[in-house]
Amino acid sequence: MKIQINLDVEMAKNKISLKELSQRVGISVTNLSLLKTGKVKAIRFTTLASICKELACQPGDILEYLPETNEDVEK
């Protein structure tokens, strides 16, 4: 199972920078950058809700489930 994070896509649609979104949501640029690049293992629902509010999107616009492939199982 893999969850892909499409935060960069939603940020581009809204023409908002990492720094500006960080300030609006109230989390550090570093933590937001880690989320954007998919290097996190968890996200608080309150953080996700704040991001969705600022980007006027749904959680499913940011998080996408990708089913396992045979290659993933072999690793």
PDB file of N, CA and C in Angstrom:
ATOM      1  N   MET A   1       0.838  -1.172   0.000  1.00  0.00           N
ATOM      2  CA  MET A   1       0.000   0.000   0.000  1.00  0.00           C
ATOM      3  C   MET A   1       0.890   1.244   0.000  1.00  0.00           C
ATOM      4  N   LYS A   2       0.519   2.189  -0.843  1.00  0.00           N
ATOM      5  CA  LYS A   2       1.262   3.436  -0.900  1.00  0.00           C
ATOM      6  C   LYS A   2       0.279   4.594  -0.987  1.00  0.00           C
ATOM      7  N   ILE A   3       0.550   5.618  -0.219  1.00  0.00           N
ATOM      8  CA  ILE A   3      -0.235   6.837  -0.268  1.00  0.00           C
ATOM      9  C   ILE A   3       0.628   7.910  -0.934  1.00  0.00           C
ATOM     10  N   GLN A   4       0.129   8.445  -2.024  1.00  0.00           N
ATOM     11  CA  GLN A   4       0.841   9.515  -2.730  1.00  0.00           C
ATOM     12  C   GLN A   4       0.289  10.852  -2.260  1.00  0.00           C
ATOM     13  N   ILE A   5       1.172  11.794  -2.034  1.00  0.00           N
ATOM     14  CA  ILE A   5       0.771  13.118  -1.575  1.00  0.00           C
ATOM     15  C   ILE A   5       0.871  14.094  -2.740  1.00  0.00           C
ATOM     16  N   ASN A   6      -0.249  14.720  -3.058  1.00  0.00           N
ATOM     17  CA  ASN A   6      -0.324  15.645  -4.189  1.00  0.00           C
ATOM     18  C   ASN A   6      -0.457  17.095  -3.728  1.00  0.00           C
ATOM     19  N   LEU A   7       0.181  17.416  -2.624  1.00  0.00           N
ATOM     20  CA  LEU A   7       0.103  18.767  -2.075  1.00  0.00           C
ATOM     21  C   LEU A   7       0.667  19.791  -3.056  1.00  0.00           C
ATOM     22  N   ASP A   8       1.746  19.448  -3.732  1.00  0.00           N
ATOM     23  CA  ASP A   8       2.359  20.380  -4.679  1.00  0.00           C
ATOM     24  C   ASP A   8       1.401  20.743  -5.817  1.00  0.00           C
ATOM     25  N   VAL A   9       0.589  19.784  -6.252  1.00  0.00           N
ATOM     26  CA  VAL A   9      -0.385  20.029  -7.316  1.00  0.00           C
ATOM     27  C   VAL A   9      -1.428  21.041  -6.848  1.00  0.00           C
ATOM     28  N   GLU A  10      -1.957  20.819  -5.645  1.00  0.00           N
ATOM     29  CA  GLU A  10      -2.974  21.732  -5.106  1.00  0.00           C
ATOM     30  C   GLU A  10      -2.390  23.117  -4.834  1.00  0.00           C
ATOM     31  N   MET A  11      -1.146  23.166  -4.397  1.00  0.00           N
ATOM     32  CA  MET A  11      -0.503  24.459  -4.168  1.00  0.00           C
ATOM     33  C   MET A  11      -0.335  25.209  -5.492  1.00  0.00           C
ATOM     34  N   ALA A  12       0.035  24.494  -6.536  1.00  0.00           N
ATOM     35  CA  ALA A  12       0.199  25.125  -7.849  1.00  0.00           C
ATOM     36  C   ALA A  12      -1.142  25.648  -8.372  1.00  0.00           C
ATOM     37  N   LYS A  13      -2.197  24.868  -8.185  1.00  0.00           N
ATOM     38  CA  LYS A  13      -3.530  25.298  -8.627  1.00  0.00           C
ATOM     39  C   LYS A  13      -3.935  26.606  -7.947  1.00  0.00           C
ATOM     40  N   ASN A  14      -3.540  26.758  -6.685  1.00  0.00           N
ATOM     41  CA  ASN A  14      -3.902  27.944  -5.902  1.00  0.00           C
ATOM     42  C   ASN A  14      -2.837  29.037  -5.955  1.00  0.00           C
ATOM     43  N   LYS A  15      -1.761  28.762  -6.687  1.00  0.00           N
ATOM     44  CA  LYS A  15      -0.653  29.723  -6.815  1.00  0.00           C
ATOM     45  C   LYS A  15      -0.198  30.240  -5.454  1.00  0.00           C
ATOM     46  N   ILE A  16       0.104  29.302  -4.570  1.00  0.00           N
ATOM     47  CA  ILE A  16       0.539  29.646  -3.214  1.00  0.00           C
ATOM     48  C   ILE A  16       1.898  29.003  -2.943  1.00  0.00           C
ATOM     49  N   SER A  17       2.752  29.752  -2.292  1.00  0.00           N
ATOM     50  CA  SER A  17       4.090  29.242  -1.984  1.00  0.00           C
ATOM     51  C   SER A  17       4.074  28.410  -0.706  1.00  0.00           C
ATOM     52  N   LEU A  18       5.132  27.669  -0.526  1.00  0.00           N
ATOM     53  CA  LEU A  18       5.294  26.856   0.677  1.00  0.00           C
ATOM     54  C   LEU A  18       5.320  27.751   1.914  1.00  0.00           C
ATOM     55  N   LYS A  19       6.026  28.855   1.813  1.00  0.00           N
ATOM     56  CA  LYS A  19       6.144  29.778   2.944  1.00  0.00           C
ATOM     57  C   LYS A  19       4.782  30.389   3.298  1.00  0.00           C
ATOM     58  N   GLU A  20       4.034  30.809   2.277  1.00  0.00           N
ATOM     59  CA  GLU A  20       2.733  31.428   2.537  1.00  0.00           C
ATOM     60  C   GLU A  20       1.752  30.429   3.138  1.00  0.00           C
ATOM     61  N   LEU A  21       1.718  29.199   2.588  1.00  0.00           N
ATOM     62  CA  LEU A  21       0.827  28.177   3.132  1.00  0.00           C
ATOM     63  C   LEU A  21       1.219  27.829   4.561  1.00  0.00           C
ATOM     64  N   SER A  22       2.504  27.760   4.806  1.00  0.00           N
ATOM     65  CA  SER A  22       3.010  27.475   6.152  1.00  0.00           C
ATOM     66  C   SER A  22       2.504  28.507   7.154  1.00  0.00           C
ATOM     67  N   GLN A  23       2.569  29.761   6.778  1.00  0.00           N
ATOM     68  CA  GLN A  23       2.115  30.834   7.668  1.00  0.00           C
ATOM     69  C   GLN A  23       0.611  30.760   7.898  1.00  0.00           C
ATOM     70  N   ARG A  24      -0.139  30.484   6.845  1.00  0.00           N
ATOM     71  CA  ARG A  24      -1.597  30.431   6.966  1.00  0.00           C
ATOM     72  C   ARG A  24      -2.069  29.245   7.801  1.00  0.00           C
ATOM     73  N   VAL A  25      -1.369  28.110   7.660  1.00  0.00           N
ATOM     74  CA  VAL A  25      -1.779  26.881   8.350  1.00  0.00           C
ATOM     75  C   VAL A  25      -1.211  26.828   9.770  1.00  0.00           C
ATOM     76  N   GLY A  26      -0.070  27.482   9.970  1.00  0.00           N
ATOM     77  CA  GLY A  26       0.529  27.501  11.304  1.00  0.00           C
ATOM     78  C   GLY A  26       1.445  26.323  11.587  1.00  0.00           C
ATOM     79  N   ILE A  27       2.084  25.789  10.544  1.00  0.00           N
ATOM     80  CA  ILE A  27       3.112  24.760  10.747  1.00  0.00           C
ATOM     81  C   ILE A  27       4.398  25.226  10.076  1.00  0.00           C
ATOM     82  N   SER A  28       5.502  24.669  10.495  1.00  0.00           N
ATOM     83  CA  SER A  28       6.786  25.138   9.983  1.00  0.00           C
ATOM     84  C   SER A  28       6.948  24.799   8.499  1.00  0.00           C
ATOM     85  N   VAL A  29       7.767  25.609   7.842  1.00  0.00           N
ATOM     86  CA  VAL A  29       8.074  25.369   6.430  1.00  0.00           C
ATOM     87  C   VAL A  29       8.724  23.996   6.284  1.00  0.00           C
ATOM     88  N   THR A  30       9.574  23.631   7.230  1.00  0.00           N
ATOM     89  CA  THR A  30      10.258  22.338   7.183  1.00  0.00           C
ATOM     90  C   THR A  30       9.260  21.192   7.213  1.00  0.00           C
ATOM     91  N   ASN A  31       8.316  21.236   8.163  1.00  0.00           N
ATOM     92  CA  ASN A  31       7.324  20.154   8.257  1.00  0.00           C
ATOM     93  C   ASN A  31       6.412  20.118   7.044  1.00  0.00           C
ATOM     94  N   LEU A  32       6.034  21.267   6.533  1.00  0.00           N
ATOM     95  CA  LEU A  32       5.194  21.319   5.344  1.00  0.00           C
ATOM     96  C   LEU A  32       5.957  20.790   4.124  1.00  0.00           C
ATOM     97  N   SER A  33       7.241  21.097   4.047  1.00  0.00           N
ATOM     98  CA  SER A  33       8.077  20.603   2.953  1.00  0.00           C
ATOM     99  C   SER A  33       8.199  19.082   3.006  1.00  0.00           C
ATOM    100  N   LEU A  34       8.368  18.540   4.213  1.00  0.00           N
ATOM    101  CA  LEU A  34       8.439  17.080   4.361  1.00  0.00           C
ATOM    102  C   LEU A  34       7.132  16.427   3.926  1.00  0.00           C
ATOM    103  N   LEU A  35       6.026  17.058   4.248  1.00  0.00           N
ATOM    104  CA  LEU A  35       4.723  16.552   3.830  1.00  0.00           C
ATOM    105  C   LEU A  35       4.600  16.615   2.314  1.00  0.00           C
ATOM    106  N   LYS A  36       4.984  17.730   1.740  1.00  0.00           N
ATOM    107  CA  LYS A  36       4.883  17.940   0.296  1.00  0.00           C
ATOM    108  C   LYS A  36       5.689  16.905  -0.487  1.00  0.00           C
ATOM    109  N   THR A  37       6.845  16.533   0.041  1.00  0.00           N
ATOM    110  CA  THR A  37       7.706  15.573  -0.660  1.00  0.00           C
ATOM    111  C   THR A  37       7.389  14.123  -0.305  1.00  0.00           C
ATOM    112  N   GLY A  38       6.403  13.907   0.577  1.00  0.00           N
ATOM    113  CA  GLY A  38       5.996  12.544   0.911  1.00  0.00           C
ATOM    114  C   GLY A  38       6.913  11.842   1.884  1.00  0.00           C
ATOM    115  N   LYS A  39       7.693  12.595   2.625  1.00  0.00           N
ATOM    116  CA  LYS A  39       8.649  12.006   3.567  1.00  0.00           C
ATOM    117  C   LYS A  39       8.102  11.885   4.985  1.00  0.00           C
ATOM    118  N   VAL A  40       6.788  11.926   5.125  1.00  0.00           N
ATOM    119  CA  VAL A  40       6.160  11.773   6.435  1.00  0.00           C
ATOM    120  C   VAL A  40       5.360  10.478   6.463  1.00  0.00           C
ATOM    121  N   LYS A  41       5.161   9.963   7.652  1.00  0.00           N
ATOM    122  CA  LYS A  41       4.392   8.725   7.805  1.00  0.00           C
ATOM    123  C   LYS A  41       3.009   8.976   8.361  1.00  0.00           C
ATOM    124  N   ALA A  42       2.764  10.197   8.815  1.00  0.00           N
ATOM    125  CA  ALA A  42       1.465  10.516   9.416  1.00  0.00           C
ATOM    126  C   ALA A  42       1.194  12.003   9.267  1.00  0.00           C
ATOM    127  N   ILE A  43      -0.093  12.334   9.348  1.00  0.00           N
ATOM    128  CA  ILE A  43      -0.514  13.733   9.349  1.00  0.00           C
ATOM    129  C   ILE A  43      -1.722  13.850  10.272  1.00  0.00           C
ATOM    130  N   ARG A  44      -1.739  14.865  11.086  1.00  0.00           N
ATOM    131  CA  ARG A  44      -2.889  15.082  11.972  1.00  0.00           C
ATOM    132  C   ARG A  44      -4.074  15.548  11.142  1.00  0.00           C
ATOM    133  N   PHE A  45      -5.253  15.088  11.533  1.00  0.00           N
ATOM    134  CA  PHE A  45      -6.460  15.504  10.826  1.00  0.00           C
ATOM    135  C   PHE A  45      -6.652  17.016  10.916  1.00  0.00           C
ATOM    136  N   THR A  46      -6.259  17.610  12.037  1.00  0.00           N
ATOM    137  CA  THR A  46      -6.411  19.056  12.171  1.00  0.00           C
ATOM    138  C   THR A  46      -5.509  19.787  11.166  1.00  0.00           C
ATOM    139  N   THR A  47      -4.311  19.264  10.953  1.00  0.00           N
ATOM    140  CA  THR A  47      -3.398  19.852   9.973  1.00  0.00           C
ATOM    141  C   THR A  47      -3.951  19.680   8.566  1.00  0.00           C
ATOM    142  N   LEU A  48      -4.437  18.481   8.266  1.00  0.00           N
ATOM    143  CA  LEU A  48      -5.018  18.210   6.953  1.00  0.00           C
ATOM    144  C   LEU A  48      -6.222  19.110   6.710  1.00  0.00           C
ATOM    145  N   ALA A  49      -7.054  19.280   7.723  1.00  0.00           N
ATOM    146  CA  ALA A  49      -8.233  20.143   7.603  1.00  0.00           C
ATOM    147  C   ALA A  49      -7.825  21.590   7.352  1.00  0.00           C
ATOM    148  N   SER A  50      -6.805  22.061   8.032  1.00  0.00           N
ATOM    149  CA  SER A  50      -6.332  23.441   7.841  1.00  0.00           C
ATOM    150  C   SER A  50      -5.780  23.648   6.435  1.00  0.00           C
ATOM    151  N   ILE A  51      -5.040  22.669   5.951  1.00  0.00           N
ATOM    152  CA  ILE A  51      -4.494  22.748   4.590  1.00  0.00           C
ATOM    153  C   ILE A  51      -5.637  22.770   3.573  1.00  0.00           C
ATOM    154  N   CYS A  52      -6.606  21.885   3.754  1.00  0.00           N
ATOM    155  CA  CYS A  52      -7.750  21.827   2.843  1.00  0.00           C
ATOM    156  C   CYS A  52      -8.536  23.129   2.859  1.00  0.00           C
ATOM    157  N   LYS A  53      -8.680  23.725   4.034  1.00  0.00           N
ATOM    158  CA  LYS A  53      -9.395  24.996   4.144  1.00  0.00           C
ATOM    159  C   LYS A  53      -8.684  26.085   3.351  1.00  0.00           C
ATOM    160  N   GLU A  54      -7.377  26.174   3.520  1.00  0.00           N
ATOM    161  CA  GLU A  54      -6.600  27.215   2.834  1.00  0.00           C
ATOM    162  C   GLU A  54      -6.534  26.996   1.323  1.00  0.00           C
ATOM    163  N   LEU A  55      -6.524  25.732   0.892  1.00  0.00           N
ATOM    164  CA  LEU A  55      -6.423  25.438  -0.540  1.00  0.00           C
ATOM    165  C   LEU A  55      -7.788  25.201  -1.190  1.00  0.00           C
ATOM    166  N   ALA A  56      -8.846  25.305  -0.391  1.00  0.00           N
ATOM    167  CA  ALA A  56     -10.219  25.088  -0.883  1.00  0.00           C
ATOM    168  C   ALA A  56     -10.319  23.771  -1.649  1.00  0.00           C
ATOM    169  N   CYS A  57      -9.872  22.685  -0.982  1.00  0.00           N
ATOM    170  CA  CYS A  57      -9.894  21.368  -1.610  1.00  0.00           C
ATOM    171  C   CYS A  57     -10.361  20.317  -0.597  1.00  0.00           C
ATOM    172  N   GLN A  58     -10.463  19.096  -1.044  1.00  0.00           N
ATOM    173  CA  GLN A  58     -10.844  17.980  -0.199  1.00  0.00           C
ATOM    174  C   GLN A  58      -9.602  17.145   0.136  1.00  0.00           C
ATOM    175  N   PRO A  59      -9.611  16.392   1.246  1.00  0.00           N
ATOM    176  CA  PRO A  59      -8.461  15.548   1.583  1.00  0.00           C
ATOM    177  C   PRO A  59      -8.063  14.611   0.435  1.00  0.00           C
ATOM    178  N   GLY A  60      -9.043  14.124  -0.307  1.00  0.00           N
ATOM    179  CA  GLY A  60      -8.758  13.231  -1.434  1.00  0.00           C
ATOM    180  C   GLY A  60      -8.040  13.911  -2.585  1.00  0.00           C
ATOM    181  N   ASP A  61      -8.057  15.238  -2.603  1.00  0.00           N
ATOM    182  CA  ASP A  61      -7.295  15.969  -3.612  1.00  0.00           C
ATOM    183  C   ASP A  61      -5.807  15.972  -3.259  1.00  0.00           C
ATOM    184  N   ILE A  62      -5.506  15.826  -1.985  1.00  0.00           N
ATOM    185  CA  ILE A  62      -4.120  15.849  -1.509  1.00  0.00           C
ATOM    186  C   ILE A  62      -3.553  14.443  -1.342  1.00  0.00           C
ATOM    187  N   LEU A  63      -4.363  13.513  -0.835  1.00  0.00           N
ATOM    188  CA  LEU A  63      -3.919  12.148  -0.572  1.00  0.00           C
ATOM    189  C   LEU A  63      -4.533  11.192  -1.583  1.00  0.00           C
ATOM    190  N   GLU A  64      -3.700  10.332  -2.163  1.00  0.00           N
ATOM    191  CA  GLU A  64      -4.179   9.376  -3.164  1.00  0.00           C
ATOM    192  C   GLU A  64      -3.637   7.984  -2.831  1.00  0.00           C
ATOM    193  N   TYR A  65      -4.525   7.016  -2.796  1.00  0.00           N
ATOM    194  CA  TYR A  65      -4.130   5.628  -2.538  1.00  0.00           C
ATOM    195  C   TYR A  65      -3.674   4.982  -3.837  1.00  0.00           C
ATOM    196  N   LEU A  66      -2.498   4.354  -3.803  1.00  0.00           N
ATOM    197  CA  LEU A  66      -1.988   3.607  -4.944  1.00  0.00           C
ATOM    198  C   LEU A  66      -1.858   2.152  -4.532  1.00  0.00           C
ATOM    199  N   PRO A  67      -2.595   1.242  -5.193  1.00  0.00           N
ATOM    200  CA  PRO A  67      -2.513  -0.169  -4.815  1.00  0.00           C
ATOM    201  C   PRO A  67      -1.126  -0.739  -5.090  1.00  0.00           C
ATOM    202  N   GLU A  68      -0.812  -1.801  -4.354  1.00  0.00           N
ATOM    203  CA  GLU A  68       0.475  -2.468  -4.542  1.00  0.00           C
ATOM    204  C   GLU A  68       0.539  -3.128  -5.897  1.00  0.00           C
ATOM    205  N   THR A  69       1.735  -3.103  -6.474  1.00  0.00           N
ATOM    206  CA  THR A  69       1.980  -3.852  -7.703  1.00  0.00           C
ATOM    207  C   THR A  69       2.825  -5.061  -7.344  1.00  0.00           C
ATOM    208  N   ASN A  70       3.020  -5.954  -8.280  1.00  0.00           N
ATOM    209  CA  ASN A  70       3.855  -7.132  -8.033  1.00  0.00           C
ATOM    210  C   ASN A  70       5.269  -6.723  -7.670  1.00  0.00           C
ATOM    211  N   GLU A  71       5.770  -5.649  -8.274  1.00  0.00           N
ATOM    212  CA  GLU A  71       7.116  -5.167  -7.959  1.00  0.00           C
ATOM    213  C   GLU A  71       7.219  -4.722  -6.509  1.00  0.00           C
ATOM    214  N   ASP A  72       6.175  -4.089  -5.967  1.00  0.00           N
ATOM    215  CA  ASP A  72       6.179  -3.644  -4.576  1.00  0.00           C
ATOM    216  C   ASP A  72       6.235  -4.833  -3.625  1.00  0.00           C
ATOM    217  N   VAL A  73       5.524  -5.910  -3.956  1.00  0.00           N
ATOM    218  CA  VAL A  73       5.456  -7.096  -3.112  1.00  0.00           C
ATOM    219  C   VAL A  73       6.823  -7.788  -3.057  1.00  0.00           C
ATOM    220  N   GLU A  74       7.566  -7.774  -4.160  1.00  0.00           N
ATOM    221  CA  GLU A  74       8.863  -8.453  -4.233  1.00  0.00           C
ATOM    222  C   GLU A  74       9.930  -7.743  -3.428  1.00  0.00           C
ATOM    223  N   LYS A  75       9.758  -6.465  -3.126  1.00  0.00           N
ATOM    224  CA  LYS A  75      10.789  -5.697  -2.400  1.00  0.00           C
ATOM    225  C   LYS A  75      10.856  -6.050  -0.969  1.00  0.00           C
TER     226      LYS A  75
END
